C-alpha cells in the first residue's frame, strides 16, 4: 500500500492564498483529504500556514501539481510517498 501526501507551507497567506486555492481547485479531483493548519487566536491569525493533502491518482499529475504550487511566491510544496513493505 502506498500513500501520497502533499505538504504545502504558505509563508504569506494574504498574498498567496488566492493563487494556492485556484491551483488546488484546478487539481481538485486528485485531492482525497485536505487539512489546513495555522496559528490562530481570537486576536487574529498568523500569516503562515500548513496545508496537508492526501492525494490520489497518476504520479506524474501529482508531481505537476507540486511543481505548479512551488511557482507561487511564498509557497513551498513537497510530495511525500509512503509505503509499507509486505511484512509477514
N, C-alpha and C. Protein backbone atom coordinates (compact mmCIF):
# COMPACT_ATOMS: atom_id res chain seq x y z
N UNK A 1 0.83 -1.17 0.00
CA UNK A 1 0.00 0.00 0.00
C UNK A 1 0.88 1.24 0.00
N UNK A 2 0.55 2.19 -0.86
CA UNK A 2 1.28 3.46 -0.92
C UNK A 2 0.32 4.61 -0.67
N UNK A 3 0.78 5.57 0.09
CA UNK A 3 0.03 6.80 0.34
C UNK A 3 0.85 7.97 -0.15
N UNK A 4 0.20 8.91 -0.81
CA UNK A 4 0.86 10.12 -1.27
C UNK A 4 0.30 11.30 -0.49
N UNK A 5 1.21 12.07 0.09
CA UNK A 5 0.86 13.22 0.90
C UNK A 5 1.54 14.44 0.28
N UNK A 6 0.80 15.52 0.13
CA UNK A 6 1.38 16.77 -0.36
C UNK A 6 1.32 17.78 0.78
N UNK A 7 2.48 18.26 1.19
CA UNK A 7 2.60 19.24 2.27
C UNK A 7 2.88 20.59 1.64
N UNK A 8 2.14 21.60 2.06
CA UNK A 8 2.28 22.93 1.48
C UNK A 8 2.45 23.94 2.60
N UNK A 9 3.59 24.61 2.63
CA UNK A 9 3.82 25.70 3.57
C UNK A 9 3.52 27.01 2.86
N UNK A 10 2.73 27.83 3.50
CA UNK A 10 2.40 29.15 2.95
C UNK A 10 2.96 30.19 3.90
N UNK A 11 3.85 31.03 3.39
CA UNK A 11 4.53 32.00 4.24
C UNK A 11 3.82 33.33 4.36
N UNK A 12 3.00 33.69 3.40
CA UNK A 12 2.28 34.95 3.43
C UNK A 12 0.87 34.67 2.92
N UNK A 13 -0.02 34.30 3.83
CA UNK A 13 -1.36 33.85 3.44
C UNK A 13 -2.14 34.91 2.68
N UNK A 14 -2.04 36.17 3.08
CA UNK A 14 -2.79 37.22 2.40
C UNK A 14 -2.39 37.35 0.94
N UNK A 15 -1.11 37.19 0.68
CA UNK A 15 -0.62 37.34 -0.70
C UNK A 15 -0.77 36.07 -1.52
N UNK A 16 -0.63 34.90 -0.92
CA UNK A 16 -0.58 33.65 -1.67
C UNK A 16 -1.88 32.85 -1.68
N UNK A 17 -2.79 33.12 -0.77
CA UNK A 17 -3.97 32.27 -0.59
C UNK A 17 -4.81 32.10 -1.84
N UNK A 18 -5.05 33.17 -2.58
CA UNK A 18 -5.90 33.08 -3.76
C UNK A 18 -5.26 32.20 -4.83
N UNK A 19 -3.96 32.37 -5.06
CA UNK A 19 -3.26 31.55 -6.05
C UNK A 19 -3.20 30.09 -5.63
N UNK A 20 -2.98 29.84 -4.34
CA UNK A 20 -2.95 28.45 -3.85
C UNK A 20 -4.33 27.82 -4.03
N UNK A 21 -5.38 28.53 -3.63
CA UNK A 21 -6.74 27.98 -3.75
C UNK A 21 -7.10 27.72 -5.21
N UNK A 22 -6.73 28.61 -6.10
CA UNK A 22 -7.01 28.43 -7.53
C UNK A 22 -6.30 27.18 -8.06
N UNK A 23 -5.07 27.00 -7.66
CA UNK A 23 -4.31 25.83 -8.10
C UNK A 23 -4.93 24.54 -7.55
N UNK A 24 -5.27 24.53 -6.27
CA UNK A 24 -5.87 23.33 -5.67
C UNK A 24 -7.23 23.02 -6.30
N UNK A 25 -8.00 24.04 -6.61
CA UNK A 25 -9.30 23.82 -7.27
C UNK A 25 -9.10 23.18 -8.64
N UNK A 26 -8.10 23.62 -9.37
CA UNK A 26 -7.81 23.05 -10.70
C UNK A 26 -7.42 21.58 -10.65
N UNK A 27 -6.85 21.16 -9.55
CA UNK A 27 -6.41 19.77 -9.38
C UNK A 27 -7.29 19.04 -8.37
N UNK A 28 -8.48 19.54 -8.12
CA UNK A 28 -9.35 19.05 -7.06
C UNK A 28 -9.67 17.57 -7.09
N UNK A 29 -9.74 16.97 -8.29
CA UNK A 29 -10.07 15.54 -8.39
C UNK A 29 -8.97 14.65 -7.81
N UNK A 30 -7.77 15.19 -7.63
CA UNK A 30 -6.67 14.41 -7.07
C UNK A 30 -6.61 14.48 -5.55
N UNK A 31 -7.41 15.36 -4.95
CA UNK A 31 -7.35 15.59 -3.51
C UNK A 31 -8.42 14.76 -2.81
N UNK A 32 -7.95 13.85 -1.95
CA UNK A 32 -8.86 12.99 -1.18
C UNK A 32 -9.19 13.63 0.17
N UNK A 33 -8.17 14.16 0.84
CA UNK A 33 -8.33 14.77 2.16
C UNK A 33 -7.54 16.06 2.21
N UNK A 34 -8.13 17.09 2.83
CA UNK A 34 -7.44 18.37 2.96
C UNK A 34 -7.58 18.87 4.38
N UNK A 35 -6.45 19.31 4.95
CA UNK A 35 -6.44 19.86 6.30
C UNK A 35 -5.56 21.10 6.29
N UNK A 36 -6.11 22.23 6.72
CA UNK A 36 -5.33 23.46 6.80
C UNK A 36 -5.08 23.82 8.25
N UNK A 37 -3.84 24.15 8.55
CA UNK A 37 -3.45 24.49 9.92
C UNK A 37 -2.74 25.85 9.93
N UNK A 38 -3.07 26.67 10.91
CA UNK A 38 -2.35 27.92 11.10
C UNK A 38 -2.47 28.32 12.56
N UNK A 39 -1.56 29.17 12.98
CA UNK A 39 -1.60 29.68 14.34
C UNK A 39 -2.68 30.75 14.38
N UNK A 40 -3.71 30.51 15.12
CA UNK A 40 -4.77 31.50 15.19
C UNK A 40 -5.18 31.76 16.63
N UNK A 41 -5.75 32.90 16.83
CA UNK A 41 -6.28 33.25 18.15
C UNK A 41 -7.46 34.19 17.93
N UNK A 42 -8.12 34.52 18.99
CA UNK A 42 -9.24 35.45 18.87
C UNK A 42 -8.78 36.84 18.41
N UNK A 43 -7.51 37.16 18.67
CA UNK A 43 -6.98 38.47 18.29
C UNK A 43 -6.59 38.54 16.82
N UNK A 44 -6.44 37.39 16.16
CA UNK A 44 -6.05 37.41 14.75
C UNK A 44 -5.32 36.15 14.34
N UNK A 45 -5.10 36.02 13.08
CA UNK A 45 -4.42 34.86 12.52
C UNK A 45 -3.00 35.22 12.11
N UNK A 46 -2.15 34.24 12.08
CA UNK A 46 -0.81 34.47 11.58
C UNK A 46 -0.83 34.43 10.06
N UNK A 47 0.24 34.88 9.47
CA UNK A 47 0.38 34.88 8.02
C UNK A 47 0.93 33.57 7.49
N UNK A 48 1.33 32.66 8.38
CA UNK A 48 1.92 31.40 7.97
C UNK A 48 0.94 30.27 8.18
N UNK A 49 0.99 29.28 7.29
CA UNK A 49 0.10 28.15 7.44
C UNK A 49 0.65 26.90 6.79
N UNK A 50 0.06 25.79 7.12
CA UNK A 50 0.42 24.49 6.56
C UNK A 50 -0.85 23.84 6.02
N UNK A 51 -0.77 23.37 4.79
CA UNK A 51 -1.87 22.60 4.21
C UNK A 51 -1.38 21.18 4.01
N UNK A 52 -2.15 20.24 4.51
CA UNK A 52 -1.84 18.82 4.44
C UNK A 52 -2.86 18.19 3.50
N UNK A 53 -2.40 17.59 2.40
CA UNK A 53 -3.30 16.94 1.45
C UNK A 53 -2.97 15.47 1.32
N UNK A 54 -3.98 14.63 1.38
CA UNK A 54 -3.84 13.23 0.97
C UNK A 54 -4.29 13.23 -0.49
N UNK A 55 -3.39 12.85 -1.38
CA UNK A 55 -3.68 12.93 -2.82
C UNK A 55 -3.66 11.54 -3.44
N UNK A 56 -4.41 11.39 -4.53
CA UNK A 56 -4.52 10.12 -5.24
C UNK A 56 -4.36 10.39 -6.73
N UNK A 57 -4.15 9.32 -7.47
CA UNK A 57 -4.09 9.46 -8.92
C UNK A 57 -2.70 9.25 -9.48
N UNK A 58 -2.59 9.60 -10.74
CA UNK A 58 -1.36 9.41 -11.51
C UNK A 58 -0.20 10.22 -10.89
N UNK A 59 0.92 9.56 -10.67
CA UNK A 59 2.07 10.19 -10.02
C UNK A 59 2.58 11.40 -10.82
N UNK A 60 2.55 11.33 -12.15
CA UNK A 60 3.00 12.46 -12.97
C UNK A 60 2.14 13.69 -12.72
N UNK A 61 0.85 13.50 -12.55
CA UNK A 61 -0.05 14.63 -12.27
C UNK A 61 0.22 15.21 -10.88
N UNK A 62 0.51 14.34 -9.93
CA UNK A 62 0.82 14.81 -8.57
C UNK A 62 2.11 15.63 -8.57
N UNK A 63 3.09 15.18 -9.33
CA UNK A 63 4.36 15.91 -9.44
C UNK A 63 4.13 17.26 -10.11
N UNK A 64 3.29 17.30 -11.12
CA UNK A 64 2.99 18.56 -11.81
C UNK A 64 2.24 19.54 -10.90
N UNK A 65 1.29 19.04 -10.12
CA UNK A 65 0.58 19.90 -9.18
C UNK A 65 1.57 20.49 -8.17
N UNK A 66 2.49 19.68 -7.68
CA UNK A 66 3.50 20.15 -6.74
C UNK A 66 4.37 21.23 -7.38
N UNK A 67 4.76 21.01 -8.62
CA UNK A 67 5.60 21.98 -9.34
C UNK A 67 4.87 23.31 -9.48
N UNK A 68 3.58 23.26 -9.83
CA UNK A 68 2.80 24.49 -10.01
C UNK A 68 2.66 25.25 -8.70
N UNK A 69 2.47 24.53 -7.60
CA UNK A 69 2.38 25.20 -6.30
C UNK A 69 3.70 25.87 -5.93
N UNK A 70 4.80 25.24 -6.28
CA UNK A 70 6.11 25.82 -5.96
C UNK A 70 6.44 27.06 -6.79
N UNK A 71 5.68 27.32 -7.84
CA UNK A 71 5.86 28.54 -8.62
C UNK A 71 5.24 29.76 -7.95
N UNK A 72 4.40 29.53 -6.96
CA UNK A 72 3.71 30.62 -6.26
C UNK A 72 4.65 31.21 -5.21
N UNK A 73 4.75 32.54 -5.22
CA UNK A 73 5.60 33.24 -4.26
C UNK A 73 5.11 32.96 -2.83
N UNK A 74 6.03 32.74 -1.93
CA UNK A 74 5.76 32.47 -0.50
C UNK A 74 5.18 31.07 -0.26
N UNK A 75 5.36 30.15 -1.21
CA UNK A 75 4.81 28.80 -1.06
C UNK A 75 5.92 27.78 -1.30
N UNK A 76 5.95 26.76 -0.45
CA UNK A 76 6.85 25.62 -0.62
C UNK A 76 6.01 24.36 -0.50
N UNK A 77 6.03 23.53 -1.54
CA UNK A 77 5.26 22.29 -1.54
C UNK A 77 6.18 21.11 -1.73
N UNK A 78 5.84 20.02 -1.07
CA UNK A 78 6.64 18.80 -1.20
C UNK A 78 5.72 17.58 -1.20
N UNK A 79 5.91 16.73 -2.20
CA UNK A 79 5.16 15.49 -2.32
C UNK A 79 5.92 14.39 -1.61
N UNK A 80 5.24 13.68 -0.72
CA UNK A 80 5.85 12.61 0.04
C UNK A 80 5.06 11.32 -0.25
N UNK A 81 5.79 10.28 -0.61
CA UNK A 81 5.16 8.97 -0.84
C UNK A 81 5.64 8.01 0.24
N UNK A 82 4.68 7.37 0.89
CA UNK A 82 4.98 6.42 1.95
C UNK A 82 4.39 5.06 1.59
N UNK A 83 5.14 4.01 1.85
CA UNK A 83 4.62 2.67 1.62
C UNK A 83 5.16 1.72 2.66
N UNK A 84 4.39 0.69 2.91
CA UNK A 84 4.81 -0.38 3.82
C UNK A 84 5.15 -1.60 2.98
N UNK A 85 6.31 -2.16 3.24
CA UNK A 85 6.65 -3.42 2.59
C UNK A 85 5.82 -4.52 3.23
N UNK A 86 5.51 -5.51 2.47
CA UNK A 86 4.76 -6.65 2.99
C UNK A 86 5.59 -7.36 4.04
N UNK A 87 5.16 -7.30 5.29
CA UNK A 87 5.90 -7.92 6.39
C UNK A 87 5.03 -9.05 6.96
N UNK A 88 5.56 -10.26 6.92
CA UNK A 88 4.84 -11.42 7.47
C UNK A 88 5.68 -12.14 8.47
